[in-house]
Amino acid sequence: MYLYRLEVECSKGKLTVITAAEDEEKAFRAVDEHMERHFLTMPDIHEVTLLEKKRISPGTAYVIDMK
């Protein structure tokens, strides 16, 4: 199992989605599912970019700089 950090460019701007998945295909599918749950009206998704992939182990984390 891996932890994926993905950047989503959509009509709402740039978003970061972090999800746990067995492979990249499932991680990209999870983005759509999480976006549908998060927004009342699904924004138009322009591009999804995989930024990082880490094997899940105790203490696995991402530091996200919110400039």
PDB file of N, CA and C in Angstrom:
ATOM      1  N   MET A   1       0.856  -1.170   0.000  1.00  0.00           N
ATOM      2  CA  MET A   1       0.000   0.000   0.000  1.00  0.00           C
ATOM      3  C   MET A   1       0.906   1.238   0.000  1.00  0.00           C
ATOM      4  N   TYR A   2       0.482   2.246  -0.735  1.00  0.00           N
ATOM      5  CA  TYR A   2       1.252   3.471  -0.873  1.00  0.00           C
ATOM      6  C   TYR A   2       0.406   4.688  -0.511  1.00  0.00           C
ATOM      7  N   LEU A   3       1.089   5.747  -0.150  1.00  0.00           N
ATOM      8  CA  LEU A   3       0.456   7.037   0.097  1.00  0.00           C
ATOM      9  C   LEU A   3       0.822   7.924  -1.091  1.00  0.00           C
ATOM     10  N   TYR A   4      -0.196   8.483  -1.749  1.00  0.00           N
ATOM     11  CA  TYR A   4       0.001   9.297  -2.951  1.00  0.00           C
ATOM     12  C   TYR A   4      -0.379  10.741  -2.660  1.00  0.00           C
ATOM     13  N   ARG A   5       0.449  11.657  -3.153  1.00  0.00           N
ATOM     14  CA  ARG A   5       0.117  13.090  -3.099  1.00  0.00           C
ATOM     15  C   ARG A   5      -0.074  13.543  -4.535  1.00  0.00           C
ATOM     16  N   LEU A   6      -1.296  13.996  -4.826  1.00  0.00           N
ATOM     17  CA  LEU A   6      -1.647  14.397  -6.189  1.00  0.00           C
ATOM     18  C   LEU A   6      -2.108  15.849  -6.198  1.00  0.00           C
ATOM     19  N   GLU A   7      -1.794  16.543  -7.281  1.00  0.00           N
ATOM     20  CA  GLU A   7      -2.252  17.915  -7.468  1.00  0.00           C
ATOM     21  C   GLU A   7      -3.349  17.900  -8.517  1.00  0.00           C
ATOM     22  N   VAL A   8      -4.461  18.545  -8.188  1.00  0.00           N
ATOM     23  CA  VAL A   8      -5.609  18.595  -9.090  1.00  0.00           C
ATOM     24  C   VAL A   8      -5.794  20.034  -9.546  1.00  0.00           C
ATOM     25  N   GLU A   9      -5.752  20.252 -10.852  1.00  0.00           N
ATOM     26  CA  GLU A   9      -6.071  21.563 -11.412  1.00  0.00           C
ATOM     27  C   GLU A   9      -7.498  21.468 -11.918  1.00  0.00           C
ATOM     28  N   CYS A  10      -8.365  22.325 -11.342  1.00  0.00           N
ATOM     29  CA  CYS A  10      -9.776  22.270 -11.710  1.00  0.00           C
ATOM     30  C   CYS A  10     -10.359  23.680 -11.734  1.00  0.00           C
ATOM     31  N   SER A  11     -11.639  23.764 -11.998  1.00  0.00           N
ATOM     32  CA  SER A  11     -12.301  25.071 -12.080  1.00  0.00           C
ATOM     33  C   SER A  11     -12.322  25.793 -10.729  1.00  0.00           C
ATOM     34  N   LYS A  12     -12.019  25.105  -9.637  1.00  0.00           N
ATOM     35  CA  LYS A  12     -11.941  25.724  -8.303  1.00  0.00           C
ATOM     36  C   LYS A  12     -10.518  26.148  -7.955  1.00  0.00           C
ATOM     37  N   GLY A  13      -9.564  25.884  -8.836  1.00  0.00           N
ATOM     38  CA  GLY A  13      -8.163  26.223  -8.591  1.00  0.00           C
ATOM     39  C   GLY A  13      -7.322  24.972  -8.453  1.00  0.00           C
ATOM     40  N   LYS A  14      -6.166  25.106  -7.796  1.00  0.00           N
ATOM     41  CA  LYS A  14      -5.283  23.958  -7.568  1.00  0.00           C
ATOM     42  C   LYS A  14      -5.572  23.384  -6.188  1.00  0.00           C
ATOM     43  N   LEU A  15      -5.703  22.072  -6.125  1.00  0.00           N
ATOM     44  CA  LEU A  15      -5.994  21.371  -4.885  1.00  0.00           C
ATOM     45  C   LEU A  15      -4.985  20.248  -4.689  1.00  0.00           C
ATOM     46  N   THR A  16      -4.741  19.881  -3.454  1.00  0.00           N
ATOM     47  CA  THR A  16      -3.899  18.733  -3.142  1.00  0.00           C
ATOM     48  C   THR A  16      -4.787  17.639  -2.595  1.00  0.00           C
ATOM     49  N   VAL A  17      -4.642  16.433  -3.140  1.00  0.00           N
ATOM     50  CA  VAL A  17      -5.371  15.263  -2.651  1.00  0.00           C
ATOM     51  C   VAL A  17      -4.335  14.241  -2.209  1.00  0.00           C
ATOM     52  N   ILE A  18      -4.466  13.760  -0.994  1.00  0.00           N
ATOM     53  CA  ILE A  18      -3.589  12.717  -0.482  1.00  0.00           C
ATOM     54  C   ILE A  18      -4.456  11.497  -0.226  1.00  0.00           C
ATOM     55  N   THR A  19      -4.066  10.365  -0.800  1.00  0.00           N
ATOM     56  CA  THR A  19      -4.869   9.154  -0.673  1.00  0.00           C
ATOM     57  C   THR A  19      -3.966   7.931  -0.531  1.00  0.00           C
ATOM     58  N   ALA A  20      -4.480   6.909   0.119  1.00  0.00           N
ATOM     59  CA  ALA A  20      -3.781   5.627   0.221  1.00  0.00           C
ATOM     60  C   ALA A  20      -4.386   4.692  -0.820  1.00  0.00           C
ATOM     61  N   ALA A  21      -3.534   4.004  -1.563  1.00  0.00           N
ATOM     62  CA  ALA A  21      -4.018   3.087  -2.605  1.00  0.00           C
ATOM     63  C   ALA A  21      -2.958   2.026  -2.875  1.00  0.00           C
ATOM     64  N   GLU A  22      -3.403   0.934  -3.492  1.00  0.00           N
ATOM     65  CA  GLU A  22      -2.498  -0.167  -3.818  1.00  0.00           C
ATOM     66  C   GLU A  22      -1.633   0.125  -5.035  1.00  0.00           C
ATOM     67  N   ASP A  23      -2.155   0.934  -5.968  1.00  0.00           N
ATOM     68  CA  ASP A  23      -1.383   1.274  -7.159  1.00  0.00           C
ATOM     69  C   ASP A  23      -1.839   2.631  -7.694  1.00  0.00           C
ATOM     70  N   GLU A  24      -1.134   3.129  -8.710  1.00  0.00           N
ATOM     71  CA  GLU A  24      -1.411   4.462  -9.252  1.00  0.00           C
ATOM     72  C   GLU A  24      -2.803   4.561  -9.866  1.00  0.00           C
ATOM     73  N   GLU A  25      -3.238   3.522 -10.548  1.00  0.00           N
ATOM     74  CA  GLU A  25      -4.567   3.540 -11.161  1.00  0.00           C
ATOM     75  C   GLU A  25      -5.651   3.754 -10.108  1.00  0.00           C
ATOM     76  N   LYS A  26      -5.554   3.060  -8.984  1.00  0.00           N
ATOM     77  CA  LYS A  26      -6.542   3.207  -7.915  1.00  0.00           C
ATOM     78  C   LYS A  26      -6.432   4.573  -7.246  1.00  0.00           C
ATOM     79  N   ALA A  27      -5.235   5.125  -7.187  1.00  0.00           N
ATOM     80  CA  ALA A  27      -5.052   6.457  -6.602  1.00  0.00           C
ATOM     81  C   ALA A  27      -5.749   7.515  -7.457  1.00  0.00           C
ATOM     82  N   PHE A  28      -5.603   7.405  -8.785  1.00  0.00           N
ATOM     83  CA  PHE A  28      -6.246   8.375  -9.671  1.00  0.00           C
ATOM     84  C   PHE A  28      -7.769   8.230  -9.627  1.00  0.00           C
ATOM     85  N   ARG A  29      -8.279   7.001  -9.505  1.00  0.00           N
ATOM     86  CA  ARG A  29      -9.727   6.802  -9.369  1.00  0.00           C
ATOM     87  C   ARG A  29     -10.235   7.394  -8.054  1.00  0.00           C
ATOM     88  N   ALA A  30      -9.423   7.278  -7.012  1.00  0.00           N
ATOM     89  CA  ALA A  30      -9.806   7.814  -5.701  1.00  0.00           C
ATOM     90  C   ALA A  30      -9.942   9.332  -5.740  1.00  0.00           C
ATOM     91  N   VAL A  31      -9.148   9.994  -6.579  1.00  0.00           N
ATOM     92  CA  VAL A  31      -9.251  11.454  -6.707  1.00  0.00           C
ATOM     93  C   VAL A  31     -10.673  11.842  -7.105  1.00  0.00           C
ATOM     94  N   ASP A  32     -11.211  11.194  -8.130  1.00  0.00           N
ATOM     95  CA  ASP A  32     -12.577  11.496  -8.579  1.00  0.00           C
ATOM     96  C   ASP A  32     -13.584  11.265  -7.455  1.00  0.00           C
ATOM     97  N   GLU A  33     -13.452  10.151  -6.750  1.00  0.00           N
ATOM     98  CA  GLU A  33     -14.384   9.831  -5.662  1.00  0.00           C
ATOM     99  C   GLU A  33     -14.331  10.873  -4.555  1.00  0.00           C
ATOM    100  N   HIS A  34     -13.124  11.278  -4.171  1.00  0.00           N
ATOM    101  CA  HIS A  34     -12.980  12.264  -3.097  1.00  0.00           C
ATOM    102  C   HIS A  34     -13.457  13.651  -3.537  1.00  0.00           C
ATOM    103  N   MET A  35     -13.209  14.000  -4.781  1.00  0.00           N
ATOM    104  CA  MET A  35     -13.674  15.296  -5.290  1.00  0.00           C
ATOM    105  C   MET A  35     -15.207  15.335  -5.286  1.00  0.00           C
ATOM    106  N   GLU A  36     -15.851  14.257  -5.708  1.00  0.00           N
ATOM    107  CA  GLU A  36     -17.318  14.201  -5.715  1.00  0.00           C
ATOM    108  C   GLU A  36     -17.885  14.345  -4.314  1.00  0.00           C
ATOM    109  N   ARG A  37     -17.229  13.746  -3.323  1.00  0.00           N
ATOM    110  CA  ARG A  37     -17.704  13.837  -1.937  1.00  0.00           C
ATOM    111  C   ARG A  37     -17.444  15.206  -1.320  1.00  0.00           C
ATOM    112  N   HIS A  38     -16.363  15.843  -1.742  1.00  0.00           N
ATOM    113  CA  HIS A  38     -15.953  17.109  -1.125  1.00  0.00           C
ATOM    114  C   HIS A  38     -16.792  18.305  -1.592  1.00  0.00           C
ATOM    115  N   PHE A  39     -17.141  18.326  -2.868  1.00  0.00           N
ATOM    116  CA  PHE A  39     -17.838  19.474  -3.436  1.00  0.00           C
ATOM    117  C   PHE A  39     -19.316  19.177  -3.645  1.00  0.00           C
ATOM    118  N   LEU A  40     -20.153  20.192  -3.432  1.00  0.00           N
ATOM    119  CA  LEU A  40     -21.581  20.068  -3.683  1.00  0.00           C
ATOM    120  C   LEU A  40     -21.834  19.874  -5.178  1.00  0.00           C
ATOM    121  N   THR A  41     -21.156  20.693  -5.989  1.00  0.00           N
ATOM    122  CA  THR A  41     -21.206  20.575  -7.446  1.00  0.00           C
ATOM    123  C   THR A  41     -19.799  20.218  -7.913  1.00  0.00           C
ATOM    124  N   MET A  42     -19.673  19.125  -8.631  1.00  0.00           N
ATOM    125  CA  MET A  42     -18.363  18.650  -9.080  1.00  0.00           C
ATOM    126  C   MET A  42     -17.714  19.672 -10.013  1.00  0.00           C
ATOM    127  N   PRO A  43     -16.501  20.162  -9.657  1.00  0.00           N
ATOM    128  CA  PRO A  43     -15.812  21.108 -10.543  1.00  0.00           C
ATOM    129  C   PRO A  43     -15.266  20.381 -11.773  1.00  0.00           C
ATOM    130  N   ASP A  44     -14.983  21.148 -12.823  1.00  0.00           N
ATOM    131  CA  ASP A  44     -14.358  20.582 -14.019  1.00  0.00           C
ATOM    132  C   ASP A  44     -12.894  20.320 -13.697  1.00  0.00           C
ATOM    133  N   ILE A  45     -12.459  19.076 -13.875  1.00  0.00           N
ATOM    134  CA  ILE A  45     -11.069  18.719 -13.620  1.00  0.00           C
ATOM    135  C   ILE A  45     -10.299  18.848 -14.928  1.00  0.00           C
ATOM    136  N   HIS A  46      -9.234  19.668 -14.903  1.00  0.00           N
ATOM    137  CA  HIS A  46      -8.424  19.899 -16.093  1.00  0.00           C
ATOM    138  C   HIS A  46      -7.239  18.939 -16.148  1.00  0.00           C
ATOM    139  N   GLU A  47      -6.587  18.732 -14.994  1.00  0.00           N
ATOM    140  CA  GLU A  47      -5.395  17.891 -14.970  1.00  0.00           C
ATOM    141  C   GLU A  47      -5.160  17.366 -13.560  1.00  0.00           C
ATOM    142  N   VAL A  48      -4.697  16.126 -13.464  1.00  0.00           N
ATOM    143  CA  VAL A  48      -4.307  15.525 -12.188  1.00  0.00           C
ATOM    144  C   VAL A  48      -2.865  15.072 -12.338  1.00  0.00           C
ATOM    145  N   THR A  49      -1.993  15.534 -11.433  1.00  0.00           N
ATOM    146  CA  THR A  49      -0.577  15.234 -11.506  1.00  0.00           C
ATOM    147  C   THR A  49      -0.130  14.497 -10.249  1.00  0.00           C
ATOM    148  N   LEU A  50       0.549  13.390 -10.420  1.00  0.00           N
ATOM    149  CA  LEU A  50       1.123  12.655  -9.299  1.00  0.00           C
ATOM    150  C   LEU A  50       2.415  13.345  -8.895  1.00  0.00           C
ATOM    151  N   LEU A  51       2.467  13.845  -7.661  1.00  0.00           N
ATOM    152  CA  LEU A  51       3.650  14.558  -7.193  1.00  0.00           C
ATOM    153  C   LEU A  51       4.589  13.659  -6.396  1.00  0.00           C
ATOM    154  N   GLU A  52       4.016  12.807  -5.519  1.00  0.00           N
ATOM    155  CA  GLU A  52       4.844  11.931  -4.690  1.00  0.00           C
ATOM    156  C   GLU A  52       4.134  10.617  -4.424  1.00  0.00           C
ATOM    157  N   LYS A  53       4.947   9.588  -4.214  1.00  0.00           N
ATOM    158  CA  LYS A  53       4.441   8.253  -3.873  1.00  0.00           C
ATOM    159  C   LYS A  53       5.372   7.696  -2.807  1.00  0.00           C
ATOM    160  N   LYS A  54       4.790   7.289  -1.658  1.00  0.00           N
ATOM    161  CA  LYS A  54       5.585   6.734  -0.562  1.00  0.00           C
ATOM    162  C   LYS A  54       4.949   5.444  -0.071  1.00  0.00           C
ATOM    163  N   ARG A  55       5.780   4.468   0.204  1.00  0.00           N
ATOM    164  CA  ARG A  55       5.284   3.236   0.809  1.00  0.00           C
ATOM    165  C   ARG A  55       4.800   3.573   2.221  1.00  0.00           C
ATOM    166  N   ILE A  56       3.622   3.071   2.580  1.00  0.00           N
ATOM    167  CA  ILE A  56       3.062   3.357   3.902  1.00  0.00           C
ATOM    168  C   ILE A  56       3.773   2.515   4.953  1.00  0.00           C
ATOM    169  N   SER A  57       4.247   3.203   5.976  1.00  0.00           N
ATOM    170  CA  SER A  57       4.843   2.571   7.151  1.00  0.00           C
ATOM    171  C   SER A  57       4.591   3.519   8.318  1.00  0.00           C
ATOM    172  N   PRO A  58       4.755   3.074   9.536  1.00  0.00           N
ATOM    173  CA  PRO A  58       4.516   3.971  10.675  1.00  0.00           C
ATOM    174  C   PRO A  58       5.319   5.261  10.535  1.00  0.00           C
ATOM    175  N   GLY A  59       4.644   6.366  10.676  1.00  0.00           N
ATOM    176  CA  GLY A  59       5.293   7.670  10.588  1.00  0.00           C
ATOM    177  C   GLY A  59       5.314   8.281   9.191  1.00  0.00           C
ATOM    178  N   THR A  60       4.811   7.587   8.177  1.00  0.00           N
ATOM    179  CA  THR A  60       4.786   8.156   6.829  1.00  0.00           C
ATOM    180  C   THR A  60       3.920   9.415   6.817  1.00  0.00           C
ATOM    181  N   ALA A  61       4.444  10.483   6.227  1.00  0.00           N
ATOM    182  CA  ALA A  61       3.706  11.741   6.215  1.00  0.00           C
ATOM    183  C   ALA A  61       4.196  12.624   5.073  1.00  0.00           C
ATOM    184  N   TYR A  62       3.436  13.658   4.791  1.00  0.00           N
ATOM    185  CA  TYR A  62       3.818  14.689   3.841  1.00  0.00           C
ATOM    186  C   TYR A  62       3.810  16.018   4.570  1.00  0.00           C
ATOM    187  N   VAL A  63       4.724  16.902   4.218  1.00  0.00           N
ATOM    188  CA  VAL A  63       4.709  18.284   4.688  1.00  0.00           C
ATOM    189  C   VAL A  63       4.241  19.102   3.497  1.00  0.00           C
ATOM    190  N   ILE A  64       3.159  19.844   3.672  1.00  0.00           N
ATOM    191  CA  ILE A  64       2.592  20.628   2.584  1.00  0.00           C
ATOM    192  C   ILE A  64       2.781  22.103   2.911  1.00  0.00           C
ATOM    193  N   ASP A  65       3.522  22.813   2.073  1.00  0.00           N
ATOM    194  CA  ASP A  65       3.794  24.234   2.250  1.00  0.00           C
ATOM    195  C   ASP A  65       2.617  25.028   1.698  1.00  0.00           C
ATOM    196  N   MET A  66       1.902  25.750   2.534  1.00  0.00           N
ATOM    197  CA  MET A  66       0.724  26.524   2.141  1.00  0.00           C
ATOM    198  C   MET A  66       1.103  27.993   1.990  1.00  0.00           C
ATOM    199  N   LYS A  67       1.813  28.329   0.939  1.00  0.00           N
ATOM    200  CA  LYS A  67       2.268  29.711   0.719  1.00  0.00           C
ATOM    201  C   LYS A  67       1.135  30.589   0.317  1.00  0.00           C
TER     202      LYS A  67
END
